[in-house]
Amino acid sequence: EAIRADGHPRWFVLTGLVHDLGKILCLFDEPQWAVV
């Protein structure tokens, strides 16, 4: 929403929406130091 409010392209807004989804590695039992 912060990206959208500044008028950036839709792909940029979508990038902001998905950028942390890789943290699901924690749900695959990876330790924090192998995730973030």
Full PDB file with SEQRES, HELIX, SHEET, SSBOND, CRYST1, ORIGX, SCALE, CONECT and MASTER records, all heavy atoms in Angstrom:
SEQRES   1 A   36  GLU ALA ILE ARG ALA ASP GLY HIS PRO ARG TRP PHE VAL          
SEQRES   2 A   36  LEU THR GLY LEU VAL HIS ASP LEU GLY LYS ILE LEU CYS          
SEQRES   3 A   36  LEU PHE ASP GLU PRO GLN TRP ALA VAL VAL                      
HELIX    1 AA1 ALA A    2  ALA A    5  1                                   4    
HELIX    2 AA2 ARG A   10  VAL A   18  1                                   9    
HELIX    3 AA3 LEU A   21  PHE A   28  5                                   8    
HELIX    4 AA4 GLN A   32  ALA A   34  5                                   3    
CRYST1    1.000    1.000    1.000  90.00  90.00  90.00 P 1           1          
ORIGX1      1.000000  0.000000  0.000000        0.00000                         
ORIGX2      0.000000  1.000000  0.000000        0.00000                         
ORIGX3      0.000000  0.000000  1.000000        0.00000                         
SCALE1      1.000000  0.000000  0.000000        0.00000                         
SCALE2      0.000000  1.000000  0.000000        0.00000                         
SCALE3      0.000000  0.000000  1.000000        0.00000                         
ATOM      1  N   GLU A   1       0.821  -1.204   0.000  1.00  0.00           N  
ATOM      2  CA  GLU A   1       0.000   0.000   0.000  1.00  0.00           C  
ATOM      3  C   GLU A   1       0.861   1.263   0.000  1.00  0.00           C  
ATOM      4  O   GLU A   1       0.519   2.264  -0.629  1.00  0.00           O  
ATOM      5  CB  GLU A   1      -0.931  -0.010   1.206  1.00  0.00           C  
ATOM      6  CG  GLU A   1      -2.152  -0.892   1.035  1.00  0.00           C  
ATOM      7  CD  GLU A   1      -3.088  -0.368  -0.045  1.00  0.00           C  
ATOM      8  OE1 GLU A   1      -3.856   0.586   0.230  1.00  0.00           O  
ATOM      9  OE2 GLU A   1      -3.043  -0.901  -1.173  1.00  0.00           O  
ATOM     10  N   ALA A   2       1.993   1.227   0.700  1.00  0.00           N  
ATOM     11  CA  ALA A   2       2.897   2.380   0.683  1.00  0.00           C  
ATOM     12  C   ALA A   2       3.463   2.599  -0.709  1.00  0.00           C  
ATOM     13  O   ALA A   2       3.588   3.738  -1.184  1.00  0.00           O  
ATOM     14  CB  ALA A   2       4.025   2.180   1.691  1.00  0.00           C  
ATOM     15  N   ILE A   3       3.775   1.516  -1.389  1.00  0.00           N  
ATOM     16  CA  ILE A   3       4.281   1.606  -2.761  1.00  0.00           C  
ATOM     17  C   ILE A   3       3.186   2.129  -3.689  1.00  0.00           C  
ATOM     18  O   ILE A   3       3.417   3.007  -4.529  1.00  0.00           O  
ATOM     19  CB  ILE A   3       4.791   0.225  -3.222  1.00  0.00           C  
ATOM     20  CG1 ILE A   3       6.019  -0.188  -2.402  1.00  0.00           C  
ATOM     21  CG2 ILE A   3       5.115   0.238  -4.719  1.00  0.00           C  
ATOM     22  CD1 ILE A   3       6.419  -1.641  -2.584  1.00  0.00           C  
ATOM     23  N   ARG A   4       1.978   1.600  -3.536  1.00  0.00           N  
ATOM     24  CA  ARG A   4       0.854   2.033  -4.383  1.00  0.00           C  
ATOM     25  C   ARG A   4       0.544   3.510  -4.174  1.00  0.00           C  
ATOM     26  O   ARG A   4       0.250   4.236  -5.131  1.00  0.00           O  
ATOM     27  CB  ARG A   4      -0.379   1.175  -4.095  1.00  0.00           C  
ATOM     28  CG  ARG A   4      -1.581   1.534  -4.959  1.00  0.00           C  
ATOM     29  CD  ARG A   4      -2.588   0.413  -5.067  1.00  0.00           C  
ATOM     30  NE  ARG A   4      -3.348   0.159  -3.883  1.00  0.00           N  
ATOM     31  CZ  ARG A   4      -4.690   0.141  -3.843  1.00  0.00           C  
ATOM     32  NH1 ARG A   4      -5.391   0.419  -4.937  1.00  0.00           N  
ATOM     33  NH2 ARG A   4      -5.317  -0.154  -2.733  1.00  0.00           N  
ATOM     34  N   ALA A   5       0.608   3.969  -2.923  1.00  0.00           N  
ATOM     35  CA  ALA A   5       0.295   5.360  -2.611  1.00  0.00           C  
ATOM     36  C   ALA A   5       1.248   6.330  -3.300  1.00  0.00           C  
ATOM     37  O   ALA A   5       0.889   7.480  -3.571  1.00  0.00           O  
ATOM     38  CB  ALA A   5       0.324   5.577  -1.101  1.00  0.00           C  
ATOM     39  N   ASP A   6       2.468   5.867  -3.596  1.00  0.00           N  
ATOM     40  CA  ASP A   6       3.450   6.717  -4.265  1.00  0.00           C  
ATOM     41  C   ASP A   6       3.374   6.622  -5.787  1.00  0.00           C  
ATOM     42  O   ASP A   6       4.222   7.186  -6.483  1.00  0.00           O  
ATOM     43  CB  ASP A   6       4.859   6.368  -3.783  1.00  0.00           C  
ATOM     44  CG  ASP A   6       5.161   6.951  -2.405  1.00  0.00           C  
ATOM     45  OD1 ASP A   6       4.345   7.763  -1.912  1.00  0.00           O  
ATOM     46  OD2 ASP A   6       6.214   6.601  -1.821  1.00  0.00           O  
ATOM     47  N   GLY A   7       2.383   5.895  -6.286  1.00  0.00           N  
ATOM     48  CA  GLY A   7       2.135   5.881  -7.717  1.00  0.00           C  
ATOM     49  C   GLY A   7       3.050   4.997  -8.538  1.00  0.00           C  
ATOM     50  O   GLY A   7       3.183   5.216  -9.751  1.00  0.00           O  
ATOM     51  N   HIS A   8       3.663   4.002  -7.935  1.00  0.00           N  
ATOM     52  CA  HIS A   8       4.557   3.121  -8.677  1.00  0.00           C  
ATOM     53  C   HIS A   8       3.766   2.116  -9.527  1.00  0.00           C  
ATOM     54  O   HIS A   8       2.579   1.885  -9.279  1.00  0.00           O  
ATOM     55  CB  HIS A   8       5.479   2.387  -7.704  1.00  0.00           C  
ATOM     56  CG  HIS A   8       6.490   3.273  -7.048  1.00  0.00           C  
ATOM     57  ND1 HIS A   8       7.461   3.942  -7.753  1.00  0.00           N  
ATOM     58  CD2 HIS A   8       6.674   3.626  -5.740  1.00  0.00           C  
ATOM     59  CE1 HIS A   8       8.209   4.656  -6.925  1.00  0.00           C  
ATOM     60  NE2 HIS A   8       7.743   4.486  -5.698  1.00  0.00           N  
ATOM     61  N   PRO A   9       4.430   1.501 -10.515  1.00  0.00           N  
ATOM     62  CA  PRO A   9       3.744   0.550 -11.395  1.00  0.00           C  
ATOM     63  C   PRO A   9       3.147  -0.630 -10.636  1.00  0.00           C  
ATOM     64  O   PRO A   9       3.583  -0.971  -9.523  1.00  0.00           O  
ATOM     65  CB  PRO A   9       4.861   0.086 -12.343  1.00  0.00           C  
ATOM     66  CG  PRO A   9       5.898   1.151 -12.278  1.00  0.00           C  
ATOM     67  CD  PRO A   9       5.835   1.714 -10.895  1.00  0.00           C  
ATOM     68  N   ARG A  10       2.182  -1.280 -11.255  1.00  0.00           N  
ATOM     69  CA  ARG A  10       1.487  -2.399 -10.598  1.00  0.00           C  
ATOM     70  C   ARG A  10       2.439  -3.535 -10.253  1.00  0.00           C  
ATOM     71  O   ARG A  10       2.307  -4.175  -9.211  1.00  0.00           O  
ATOM     72  CB  ARG A  10       0.345  -2.889 -11.496  1.00  0.00           C  
ATOM     73  CG  ARG A  10      -0.827  -1.916 -11.529  1.00  0.00           C  
ATOM     74  CD  ARG A  10      -1.849  -2.294 -12.591  1.00  0.00           C  
ATOM     75  NE  ARG A  10      -2.570  -3.524 -12.307  1.00  0.00           N  
ATOM     76  CZ  ARG A  10      -3.634  -3.625 -11.510  1.00  0.00           C  
ATOM     77  NH1 ARG A  10      -4.100  -2.561 -10.882  1.00  0.00           N  
ATOM     78  NH2 ARG A  10      -4.252  -4.783 -11.341  1.00  0.00           N  
ATOM     79  N   TRP A  11       3.428  -3.806 -11.114  1.00  0.00           N  
ATOM     80  CA  TRP A  11       4.367  -4.880 -10.790  1.00  0.00           C  
ATOM     81  C   TRP A  11       5.186  -4.549  -9.547  1.00  0.00           C  
ATOM     82  O   TRP A  11       5.562  -5.435  -8.785  1.00  0.00           O  
ATOM     83  CB  TRP A  11       5.291  -5.178 -11.977  1.00  0.00           C  
ATOM     84  CG  TRP A  11       6.193  -4.045 -12.397  1.00  0.00           C  
ATOM     85  CD1 TRP A  11       6.001  -3.175 -13.416  1.00  0.00           C  
ATOM     86  CD2 TRP A  11       7.437  -3.656 -11.781  1.00  0.00           C  
ATOM     87  NE1 TRP A  11       7.035  -2.263 -13.483  1.00  0.00           N  
ATOM     88  CE2 TRP A  11       7.930  -2.532 -12.495  1.00  0.00           C  
ATOM     89  CE3 TRP A  11       8.181  -4.146 -10.697  1.00  0.00           C  
ATOM     90  CZ2 TRP A  11       9.129  -1.901 -12.159  1.00  0.00           C  
ATOM     91  CZ3 TRP A  11       9.371  -3.511 -10.359  1.00  0.00           C  
ATOM     92  CH2 TRP A  11       9.832  -2.399 -11.087  1.00  0.00           C  
ATOM     93  N   PHE A  12       5.463  -3.254  -9.332  1.00  0.00           N  
ATOM     94  CA  PHE A  12       6.208  -2.813  -8.149  1.00  0.00           C  
ATOM     95  C   PHE A  12       5.338  -3.032  -6.898  1.00  0.00           C  
ATOM     96  O   PHE A  12       5.816  -3.524  -5.872  1.00  0.00           O  
ATOM     97  CB  PHE A  12       6.560  -1.340  -8.322  1.00  0.00           C  
ATOM     98  CG  PHE A  12       7.608  -0.798  -7.381  1.00  0.00           C  
ATOM     99  CD1 PHE A  12       8.322   0.346  -7.722  1.00  0.00           C  
ATOM    100  CD2 PHE A  12       7.883  -1.388  -6.146  1.00  0.00           C  
ATOM    101  CE1 PHE A  12       9.280   0.885  -6.870  1.00  0.00           C  
ATOM    102  CE2 PHE A  12       8.840  -0.856  -5.291  1.00  0.00           C  
ATOM    103  CZ  PHE A  12       9.530   0.277  -5.648  1.00  0.00           C  
ATOM    104  N   VAL A  13       4.061  -2.696  -6.997  1.00  0.00           N  
ATOM    105  CA  VAL A  13       3.138  -2.921  -5.882  1.00  0.00           C  
ATOM    106  C   VAL A  13       3.082  -4.413  -5.547  1.00  0.00           C  
ATOM    107  O   VAL A  13       3.148  -4.806  -4.374  1.00  0.00           O  
ATOM    108  CB  VAL A  13       1.732  -2.392  -6.232  1.00  0.00           C  
ATOM    109  CG1 VAL A  13       0.744  -2.685  -5.101  1.00  0.00           C  
ATOM    110  CG2 VAL A  13       1.770  -0.894  -6.530  1.00  0.00           C  
ATOM    111  N   LEU A  14       2.991  -5.242  -6.582  1.00  0.00           N  
ATOM    112  CA  LEU A  14       2.931  -6.687  -6.369  1.00  0.00           C  
ATOM    113  C   LEU A  14       4.215  -7.209  -5.738  1.00  0.00           C  
ATOM    114  O   LEU A  14       4.181  -8.098  -4.873  1.00  0.00           O  
ATOM    115  CB  LEU A  14       2.667  -7.396  -7.701  1.00  0.00           C  
ATOM    116  CG  LEU A  14       2.523  -8.913  -7.628  1.00  0.00           C  
ATOM    117  CD1 LEU A  14       1.371  -9.315  -6.722  1.00  0.00           C  
ATOM    118  CD2 LEU A  14       2.334  -9.493  -9.027  1.00  0.00           C  
ATOM    119  N   THR A  15       5.343  -6.657  -6.143  1.00  0.00           N  
ATOM    120  CA  THR A  15       6.623  -7.054  -5.536  1.00  0.00           C  
ATOM    121  C   THR A  15       6.597  -6.792  -4.037  1.00  0.00           C  
ATOM    122  O   THR A  15       7.041  -7.624  -3.235  1.00  0.00           O  
ATOM    123  CB  THR A  15       7.784  -6.305  -6.201  1.00  0.00           C  
ATOM    124  OG1 THR A  15       7.830  -6.618  -7.596  1.00  0.00           O  
ATOM    125  CG2 THR A  15       9.113  -6.681  -5.561  1.00  0.00           C  
ATOM    126  N   GLY A  16       6.078  -5.632  -3.638  1.00  0.00           N  
ATOM    127  CA  GLY A  16       5.959  -5.341  -2.218  1.00  0.00           C  
ATOM    128  C   GLY A  16       5.061  -6.318  -1.501  1.00  0.00           C  
ATOM    129  O   GLY A  16       5.322  -6.702  -0.354  1.00  0.00           O  
ATOM    130  N   LEU A  17       4.004  -6.761  -2.182  1.00  0.00           N  
ATOM    131  CA  LEU A  17       3.062  -7.691  -1.569  1.00  0.00           C  
ATOM    132  C   LEU A  17       3.692  -9.050  -1.310  1.00  0.00           C  
ATOM    133  O   LEU A  17       3.432  -9.678  -0.283  1.00  0.00           O  
ATOM    134  CB  LEU A  17       1.835  -7.850  -2.467  1.00  0.00           C  
ATOM    135  CG  LEU A  17       0.711  -8.726  -1.910  1.00  0.00           C  
ATOM    136  CD1 LEU A  17      -0.001  -8.022  -0.767  1.00  0.00           C  
ATOM    137  CD2 LEU A  17      -0.270  -9.103  -3.010  1.00  0.00           C  
ATOM    138  N   VAL A  18       4.541  -9.519  -2.217  1.00  0.00           N  
ATOM    139  CA  VAL A  18       5.039 -10.894  -2.120  1.00  0.00           C  
ATOM    140  C   VAL A  18       6.449 -11.000  -1.546  1.00  0.00           C  
ATOM    141  O   VAL A  18       6.928 -12.112  -1.299  1.00  0.00           O  
ATOM    142  CB  VAL A  18       5.014 -11.592  -3.505  1.00  0.00           C  
ATOM    143  CG1 VAL A  18       3.622 -11.532  -4.106  1.00  0.00           C  
ATOM    144  CG2 VAL A  18       6.053 -11.016  -4.459  1.00  0.00           C  
ATOM    145  N   HIS A  19       7.126  -9.883  -1.288  1.00  0.00           N  
ATOM    146  CA  HIS A  19       8.578  -9.919  -1.099  1.00  0.00           C  
ATOM    147  C   HIS A  19       9.048 -10.807   0.055  1.00  0.00           C  
ATOM    148  O   HIS A  19      10.166 -11.303   0.034  1.00  0.00           O  
ATOM    149  CB  HIS A  19       9.128  -8.506  -0.910  1.00  0.00           C  
ATOM    150  CG  HIS A  19       8.859  -7.912   0.445  1.00  0.00           C  
ATOM    151  ND1 HIS A  19       7.642  -7.370   0.795  1.00  0.00           N  
ATOM    152  CD2 HIS A  19       9.661  -7.779   1.543  1.00  0.00           C  
ATOM    153  CE1 HIS A  19       7.700  -6.920   2.038  1.00  0.00           C  
ATOM    154  NE2 HIS A  19       8.908  -7.157   2.513  1.00  0.00           N  
ATOM    155  N   ASP A  20       8.211 -11.017   1.064  1.00  0.00           N  
ATOM    156  CA  ASP A  20       8.636 -11.814   2.217  1.00  0.00           C  
ATOM    157  C   ASP A  20       8.062 -13.227   2.227  1.00  0.00           C  
ATOM    158  O   ASP A  20       8.236 -13.948   3.221  1.00  0.00           O  
ATOM    159  CB  ASP A  20       8.229 -11.108   3.521  1.00  0.00           C  
ATOM    160  CG  ASP A  20       9.293 -10.156   4.034  1.00  0.00           C  
ATOM    161  OD1 ASP A  20      10.435 -10.204   3.538  1.00  0.00           O  
ATOM    162  OD2 ASP A  20       8.989  -9.354   4.941  1.00  0.00           O  
ATOM    163  N   LEU A  21       7.406 -13.646   1.163  1.00  0.00           N  
ATOM    164  CA  LEU A  21       6.761 -14.960   1.188  1.00  0.00           C  
ATOM    165  C   LEU A  21       7.757 -16.102   1.346  1.00  0.00           C  
ATOM    166  O   LEU A  21       7.385 -17.187   1.779  1.00  0.00           O  
ATOM    167  CB  LEU A  21       5.928 -15.168  -0.090  1.00  0.00           C  
ATOM    168  CG  LEU A  21       4.625 -14.363  -0.177  1.00  0.00           C  
ATOM    169  CD1 LEU A  21       3.876 -14.712  -1.462  1.00  0.00           C  
ATOM    170  CD2 LEU A  21       3.739 -14.613   1.038  1.00  0.00           C  
ATOM    171  N   GLY A  22       9.016 -15.852   1.022  1.00  0.00           N  
ATOM    172  CA  GLY A  22      10.028 -16.886   1.215  1.00  0.00           C  
ATOM    173  C   GLY A  22      10.229 -17.278   2.662  1.00  0.00           C  
ATOM    174  O   GLY A  22      10.832 -18.318   2.958  1.00  0.00           O  
ATOM    175  N   LYS A  23       9.692 -16.480   3.577  1.00  0.00           N  
ATOM    176  CA  LYS A  23       9.794 -16.821   5.002  1.00  0.00           C  
ATOM    177  C   LYS A  23       9.008 -18.072   5.369  1.00  0.00           C  
ATOM    178  O   LYS A  23       9.129 -18.568   6.489  1.00  0.00           O  
ATOM    179  CB  LYS A  23       9.327 -15.646   5.863  1.00  0.00           C  
ATOM    180  CG  LYS A  23      10.272 -14.451   5.831  1.00  0.00           C  
ATOM    181  CD  LYS A  23       9.749 -13.321   6.703  1.00  0.00           C  
ATOM    182  CE  LYS A  23      10.670 -12.110   6.664  1.00  0.00           C  
ATOM    183  NZ  LYS A  23      10.146 -10.987   7.476  1.00  0.00           N  
ATOM    184  N   ILE A  24       8.237 -18.598   4.423  1.00  0.00           N  
ATOM    185  CA  ILE A  24       7.584 -19.878   4.699  1.00  0.00           C  
ATOM    186  C   ILE A  24       8.614 -20.987   4.916  1.00  0.00           C  
ATOM    187  O   ILE A  24       8.262 -22.076   5.381  1.00  0.00           O  
ATOM    188  CB  ILE A  24       6.589 -20.279   3.593  1.00  0.00           C  
ATOM    189  CG1 ILE A  24       7.308 -20.538   2.265  1.00  0.00           C  
ATOM    190  CG2 ILE A  24       5.499 -19.235   3.440  1.00  0.00           C  
ATOM    191  CD1 ILE A  24       6.390 -21.093   1.187  1.00  0.00           C  
ATOM    192  N   LEU A  25       9.881 -20.714   4.617  1.00  0.00           N  
ATOM    193  CA  LEU A  25      10.940 -21.676   4.961  1.00  0.00           C  
ATOM    194  C   LEU A  25      10.888 -22.045   6.439  1.00  0.00           C  
ATOM    195  O   LEU A  25      11.217 -23.177   6.814  1.00  0.00           O  
ATOM    196  CB  LEU A  25      12.314 -21.099   4.617  1.00  0.00           C  
ATOM    197  CG  LEU A  25      12.700 -21.036   3.139  1.00  0.00           C  
ATOM    198  CD1 LEU A  25      13.968 -20.198   2.953  1.00  0.00           C  
ATOM    199  CD2 LEU A  25      12.898 -22.432   2.565  1.00  0.00           C  
ATOM    200  N   CYS A  26      10.493 -21.082   7.285  1.00  0.00           N  
ATOM    201  CA  CYS A  26      10.358 -21.391   8.719  1.00  0.00           C  
ATOM    202  C   CYS A  26       9.310 -22.469   8.949  1.00  0.00           C  
ATOM    203  O   CYS A  26       9.429 -23.268   9.889  1.00  0.00           O  
ATOM    204  CB  CYS A  26       9.978 -20.129   9.497  1.00  0.00           C  
ATOM    205  SG  CYS A  26      11.333 -18.975   9.770  1.00  0.00           S  
ATOM    206  N   LEU A  27       8.282 -22.482   8.117  1.00  0.00           N  
ATOM    207  CA  LEU A  27       7.226 -23.481   8.252  1.00  0.00           C  
ATOM    208  C   LEU A  27       7.644 -24.833   7.684  1.00  0.00           C  
ATOM    209  O   LEU A  27       6.945 -25.824   7.851  1.00  0.00           O  
ATOM    210  CB  LEU A  27       5.952 -22.983   7.570  1.00  0.00           C  
ATOM    211  CG  LEU A  27       5.380 -21.696   8.182  1.00  0.00           C  
ATOM    212  CD1 LEU A  27       4.265 -21.138   7.311  1.00  0.00           C  
ATOM    213  CD2 LEU A  27       4.873 -21.945   9.597  1.00  0.00           C  
ATOM    214  N   PHE A  28       8.790 -24.860   7.011  1.00  0.00           N  
ATOM    215  CA  PHE A  28       9.399 -26.108   6.573  1.00  0.00           C  
ATOM    216  C   PHE A  28      10.503 -26.532   7.543  1.00  0.00           C  
ATOM    217  O   PHE A  28      11.389 -27.326   7.203  1.00  0.00           O  
ATOM    218  CB  PHE A  28       9.974 -25.962   5.159  1.00  0.00           C  
ATOM    219  CG  PHE A  28       8.951 -25.636   4.102  1.00  0.00           C  
ATOM    220  CD1 PHE A  28       9.291 -24.844   3.016  1.00  0.00           C  
ATOM    221  CD2 PHE A  28       7.659 -26.129   4.179  1.00  0.00           C  
ATOM    222  CE1 PHE A  28       8.367 -24.540   2.027  1.00  0.00           C  
ATOM    223  CE2 PHE A  28       6.723 -25.829   3.193  1.00  0.00           C  
ATOM    224  CZ  PHE A  28       7.075 -25.039   2.119  1.00  0.00           C  
ATOM    225  N   ASP A  29      10.482 -25.927   8.740  1.00  0.00           N  
ATOM    226  CA  ASP A  29      11.389 -26.273   9.846  1.00  0.00           C  
ATOM    227  C   ASP A  29      12.825 -25.829   9.645  1.00  0.00           C  
ATOM    228  O   ASP A  29      13.754 -26.395  10.257  1.00  0.00           O  
ATOM    229  CB  ASP A  29      11.351 -27.784  10.142  1.00  0.00           C  
ATOM    230  CG  ASP A  29       9.994 -28.228  10.659  1.00  0.00           C  
ATOM    231  OD1 ASP A  29       9.349 -27.447  11.400  1.00  0.00           O  
ATOM    232  OD2 ASP A  29       9.571 -29.347  10.323  1.00  0.00           O  
ATOM    233  N   GLU A  30      13.030 -24.814   8.820  1.00  0.00           N  
ATOM    234  CA  GLU A  30      14.363 -24.243   8.726  1.00  0.00           C  
ATOM    235  C   GLU A  30      14.603 -23.304   9.916  1.00  0.00           C  
ATOM    236  O   GLU A  30      13.696 -22.584  10.334  1.00  0.00           O  
ATOM    237  CB  GLU A  30      14.526 -23.458   7.422  1.00  0.00           C  
ATOM    238  CG  GLU A  30      14.562 -24.332   6.177  1.00  0.00           C  
ATOM    239  CD  GLU A  30      15.765 -25.267   6.152  1.00  0.00           C  
ATOM    240  OE1 GLU A  30      16.817 -24.902   6.700  1.00  0.00           O  
ATOM    241  OE2 GLU A  30      15.625 -26.358   5.584  1.00  0.00           O  
ATOM    242  N   PRO A  31      15.815 -23.288  10.466  1.00  0.00           N  
ATOM    243  CA  PRO A  31      16.117 -22.363  11.565  1.00  0.00           C  
ATOM    244  C   PRO A  31      16.139 -20.929  11.067  1.00  0.00           C  
ATOM    245  O   PRO A  31      16.332 -20.672   9.871  1.00  0.00           O  
ATOM    246  CB  PRO A  31      17.508 -22.810  12.029  1.00  0.00           C  
ATOM    247  CG  PRO A  31      18.130 -23.426  10.810  1.00  0.00           C  
ATOM    248  CD  PRO A  31      16.996 -24.110  10.086  1.00  0.00           C  
ATOM    249  N   GLN A  32      15.960 -19.990  11.969  1.00  0.00           N  
ATOM    250  CA  GLN A  32      15.907 -18.580  11.581  1.00  0.00           C  
ATOM    251  C   GLN A  32      17.118 -18.149  10.773  1.00  0.00           C  
ATOM    252  O   GLN A  32      16.998 -17.382   9.809  1.00  0.00           O  
ATOM    253  CB  GLN A  32      15.768 -17.698  12.820  1.00  0.00           C  
ATOM    254  CG  GLN A  32      14.418 -17.778  13.494  1.00  0.00           C  
ATOM    255  CD  GLN A  32      14.410 -17.008  14.811  1.00  0.00           C  
ATOM    256  OE1 GLN A  32      15.471 -16.631  15.321  1.00  0.00           O  
ATOM    257  NE2 GLN A  32      13.226 -16.791  15.362  1.00  0.00           N  
ATOM    258  N   TRP A  33      18.306 -18.617  11.146  1.00  0.00           N  
ATOM    259  CA  TRP A  33      19.519 -18.145  10.485  1.00  0.00           C  
ATOM    260  C   TRP A  33      19.628 -18.663   9.048  1.00  0.00           C  
ATOM    261  O   TRP A  33      20.488 -18.218   8.286  1.00  0.00           O  
ATOM    262  CB  TRP A  33      20.776 -18.518  11.281  1.00  0.00           C  
ATOM    263  CG  TRP A  33      20.930 -19.974  11.607  1.00  0.00           C  
ATOM    264  CD1 TRP A  33      20.599 -20.597  12.777  1.00  0.00           C  
ATOM    265  CD2 TRP A  33      21.480 -20.999  10.753  1.00  0.00           C  
ATOM    266  NE1 TRP A  33      20.890 -21.951  12.692  1.00  0.00           N  
ATOM    267  CE2 TRP A  33      21.434 -22.211  11.472  1.00  0.00           C  
ATOM    268  CE3 TRP A  33      22.002 -20.991   9.455  1.00  0.00           C  
ATOM    269  CZ2 TRP A  33      21.885 -23.410  10.930  1.00  0.00           C  
ATOM    270  CZ3 TRP A  33      22.445 -22.188   8.910  1.00  0.00           C  
ATOM    271  CH2 TRP A  33      22.394 -23.374   9.656  1.00  0.00           C  
ATOM    272  N   ALA A  34      18.745 -19.585   8.647  1.00  0.00           N  
ATOM    273  CA  ALA A  34      18.689 -20.048   7.264  1.00  0.00           C  
ATOM    274  C   ALA A  34      17.470 -19.485   6.550  1.00  0.00           C  
ATOM    275  O   ALA A  34      17.105 -19.971   5.472  1.00  0.00           O  
ATOM    276  CB  ALA A  34      18.665 -21.567   7.219  1.00  0.00           C  
ATOM    277  N   VAL A  35      16.848 -18.452   7.134  1.00  0.00           N  
ATOM    278  CA  VAL A  35      15.646 -17.865   6.558  1.00  0.00           C  
ATOM    279  C   VAL A  35      15.782 -16.349   6.403  1.00  0.00           C  
ATOM    280  O   VAL A  35      15.485 -15.794   5.346  1.00  0.00           O  
ATOM    281  CB  VAL A  35      14.394 -18.192   7.400  1.00  0.00           C  
ATOM    282  CG1 VAL A  35      13.142 -17.543   6.799  1.00  0.00           C  
ATOM    283  CG2 VAL A  35      14.202 -19.696   7.532  1.00  0.00           C  
ATOM    284  N   VAL A  36      16.213 -15.660   7.445  1.00  0.00           N  
ATOM    285  CA  VAL A  36      16.288 -14.198   7.423  1.00  0.00           C  
ATOM    286  C   VAL A  36      17.710 -13.745   7.747  1.00  0.00           C  
ATOM    287  O   VAL A  36      18.607 -14.554   7.961  1.00  0.00           O  
ATOM    288  CB  VAL A  36      15.276 -13.564   8.411  1.00  0.00           C  
ATOM    289  CG1 VAL A  36      13.849 -13.889   7.997  1.00  0.00           C  
ATOM    290  CG2 VAL A  36      15.546 -14.007   9.853  1.00  0.00           C  
TER     291      VAL A  36                                                      
MASTER        0    0    0    4    0    0    0    6  290    1    0    3          
END                                                                             
